[in-house]
Amino acid sequence: MSAISERRAGQALDQESSNVREDDLEPLLERQKKVEEKVQSSSKLSRFSTDIRLMFSLLRDFWNGRYRQIPWKSVAAIAGALLYVLNPLDLIPDLIVGVGLLDDAAVVGLCLRLVESDLHRYAAWKELDDEAADRARAAPDGA
């Protein structure tokens, strides 16, 4: 985070996440492909691609009511970081070639540090949930 201080990244994340409401999650989830395309096209953000997919999965399961074992503050931070990535006119406008996505990477990196334990718990839950779903599909009807 050398190009943008952790303090400034924290302020940007706080500002964005403080404005997030549960109703904002659905429009954000609809824009997942746009975020993923931006991440893939940026060397600064591409290292976060797996984490960003996990963040979207968590938000989707939260939105659908399947996973609620997470504090709202963490949900808001994740949504805020993803909304920040979508905003082309943030601390460093994305149009500035070479440095325009440094602030996006700093905000996502800071968010990941803040919600790391929540993401690990979600990933463990998701793995168990996926395994249970696989077993249910493999079971013969009526068993």
Protein backbone atom coordinates (compact mmCIF):
# COMPACT_ATOMS: atom_id res chain seq x y z
CA MET A 1 0.00 0.00 0.00
CA SER A 2 2.87 2.34 -0.63
CA ALA A 3 1.12 4.56 -3.20
CA ILE A 4 -1.84 5.12 -0.90
CA SER A 5 -1.54 5.14 2.86
CA GLU A 6 -3.37 2.59 4.93
CA ARG A 7 -5.06 5.49 6.71
CA ARG A 8 -6.48 6.88 3.44
CA ALA A 9 -7.55 3.40 2.34
CA GLY A 10 -9.25 2.94 5.71
CA GLN A 11 -11.03 6.26 5.39
CA ALA A 12 -12.24 5.37 1.90
CA LEU A 13 -13.43 1.94 3.07
CA ASP A 14 -15.15 3.43 6.13
CA GLN A 15 -16.89 6.04 4.00
CA GLU A 16 -18.08 3.54 1.41
CA SER A 17 -19.16 0.87 3.91
CA SER A 18 -20.99 3.32 6.17
CA ASN A 19 -23.35 4.06 3.28
CA VAL A 20 -24.12 0.40 2.51
CA ARG A 21 -27.64 -0.81 3.23
CA GLU A 22 -28.95 -4.34 2.80
CA ASP A 23 -30.95 -3.17 -0.23
CA ASP A 24 -27.65 -2.22 -1.92
CA LEU A 25 -26.52 -5.84 -2.03
CA GLU A 26 -28.78 -7.01 -4.86
CA PRO A 27 -27.63 -4.32 -7.36
CA LEU A 28 -24.02 -5.03 -6.36
CA LEU A 29 -24.49 -8.76 -6.92
CA GLU A 30 -25.89 -8.00 -10.36
CA ARG A 31 -22.65 -6.20 -11.19
CA GLN A 32 -20.33 -9.06 -10.16
CA LYS A 33 -19.27 -9.74 -13.75
CA LYS A 34 -18.24 -6.11 -14.21
CA VAL A 35 -16.11 -6.20 -11.05
CA GLU A 36 -14.51 -9.50 -12.07
CA GLU A 37 -13.68 -8.12 -15.53
CA LYS A 38 -12.06 -5.06 -13.96
CA VAL A 39 -10.07 -7.25 -11.57
CA GLN A 40 -8.88 -9.57 -14.35
CA SER A 41 -7.76 -6.67 -16.54
CA SER A 42 -5.65 -5.10 -13.79
CA SER A 43 -2.34 -6.43 -12.57
CA LYS A 44 -2.89 -4.46 -9.36
CA LEU A 45 -6.20 -6.19 -8.63
CA SER A 46 -5.79 -9.61 -10.27
CA ARG A 47 -4.07 -11.07 -7.21
CA PHE A 48 -7.36 -10.58 -5.36
CA SER A 49 -9.53 -12.42 -7.91
CA THR A 50 -10.09 -15.54 -5.79
CA ASP A 51 -10.83 -13.47 -2.69
CA ILE A 52 -13.24 -11.25 -4.62
CA ARG A 53 -15.15 -14.28 -5.91
CA LEU A 54 -15.37 -15.54 -2.32
CA MET A 55 -16.59 -12.12 -1.18
CA PHE A 56 -19.33 -12.16 -3.82
CA SER A 57 -20.30 -15.70 -2.84
CA LEU A 58 -20.60 -14.64 0.79
CA LEU A 59 -22.71 -11.61 -0.13
CA ARG A 60 -24.96 -13.77 -2.31
CA ASP A 61 -25.48 -16.33 0.47
CA PHE A 62 -26.11 -13.50 2.94
CA TRP A 63 -28.61 -11.84 0.56
CA ASN A 64 -30.43 -15.15 0.02
CA GLY A 65 -30.54 -15.79 3.78
CA ARG A 66 -28.44 -18.95 3.54
CA TYR A 67 -25.54 -17.56 5.58
CA ARG A 68 -26.11 -15.07 8.38
CA GLN A 69 -23.28 -15.96 10.77
CA ILE A 70 -21.41 -12.75 10.04
CA PRO A 71 -21.64 -9.30 11.59
CA TRP A 72 -23.29 -6.61 9.46
CA LYS A 73 -20.11 -4.53 9.82
CA SER A 74 -18.18 -7.19 7.88
CA VAL A 75 -20.90 -7.49 5.22
CA ALA A 76 -20.88 -3.69 4.83
CA ALA A 77 -17.07 -3.63 4.59
CA ILE A 78 -17.07 -6.29 1.87
CA ALA A 79 -19.83 -4.55 -0.07
CA GLY A 80 -18.14 -1.18 0.44
CA ALA A 81 -14.83 -2.47 -0.92
CA LEU A 82 -16.52 -3.98 -3.98
CA LEU A 83 -18.52 -0.81 -4.58
CA TYR A 84 -15.27 1.16 -4.31
CA VAL A 85 -13.76 -1.01 -7.04
CA LEU A 86 -16.75 -0.20 -9.24
CA ASN A 87 -16.34 3.55 -8.75
CA PRO A 88 -14.05 4.95 -11.48
CA LEU A 89 -13.76 8.34 -9.76
CA ASP A 90 -12.36 7.44 -6.35
CA LEU A 91 -9.20 8.61 -4.53
CA ILE A 92 -7.09 7.97 -7.62
CA PRO A 93 -9.30 8.01 -10.74
CA ASP A 94 -9.09 4.69 -12.58
CA LEU A 95 -8.40 6.50 -15.84
CA ILE A 96 -4.88 7.46 -14.72
CA VAL A 97 -2.81 4.80 -16.46
CA GLY A 98 -0.41 2.88 -14.25
CA VAL A 99 -1.65 4.14 -10.88
CA GLY A 100 -5.42 4.46 -11.21
CA LEU A 101 -6.18 1.13 -9.58
CA LEU A 102 -3.64 1.32 -6.75
CA ASP A 103 -6.24 2.76 -4.38
CA ASP A 104 -8.72 0.03 -5.36
CA ALA A 105 -6.13 -2.62 -4.51
CA ALA A 106 -5.33 -0.88 -1.21
CA VAL A 107 -9.00 -0.73 -0.21
CA VAL A 108 -9.62 -4.38 -1.15
CA GLY A 109 -6.44 -5.48 0.66
CA LEU A 110 -7.40 -3.59 3.80
CA CYS A 111 -10.92 -5.00 3.69
CA LEU A 112 -9.54 -8.54 3.37
CA ARG A 113 -7.39 -8.01 6.46
CA LEU A 114 -10.37 -6.66 8.40
CA VAL A 115 -12.76 -9.49 7.51
CA GLU A 116 -10.22 -12.31 7.18
CA SER A 117 -11.60 -14.43 10.01
CA ASP A 118 -15.18 -13.95 8.78
CA LEU A 119 -14.15 -15.05 5.27
CA HIS A 120 -12.35 -18.13 6.65
CA ARG A 121 -15.45 -19.12 8.65
CA TYR A 122 -17.63 -18.60 5.59
CA ALA A 123 -15.29 -20.64 3.36
CA ALA A 124 -15.38 -23.53 5.87
CA TRP A 125 -19.19 -23.32 6.06
CA LYS A 126 -19.44 -23.16 2.26
CA GLU A 127 -17.26 -26.24 1.85
CA LEU A 128 -19.42 -28.24 4.26
CA ASP A 129 -22.61 -26.93 2.64
CA ASP A 130 -21.35 -27.86 -0.83
CA GLU A 131 -20.37 -31.35 0.37
CA ALA A 132 -23.82 -31.86 1.91
CA ALA A 133 -25.46 -30.73 -1.34
CA ASP A 134 -23.26 -33.13 -3.33
CA ARG A 135 -24.20 -36.02 -1.01
CA ALA A 136 -27.90 -35.14 -1.33
CA ARG A 137 -27.66 -35.14 -5.15
CA ALA A 138 -25.79 -38.47 -5.15
CA ALA A 139 -28.27 -40.20 -2.82
CA PRO A 140 -30.85 -42.39 -4.51
CA ASP A 141 -34.40 -41.00 -4.45
CA GLY A 142 -36.23 -41.83 -1.27
CA ALA A 143 -33.10 -42.71 0.66
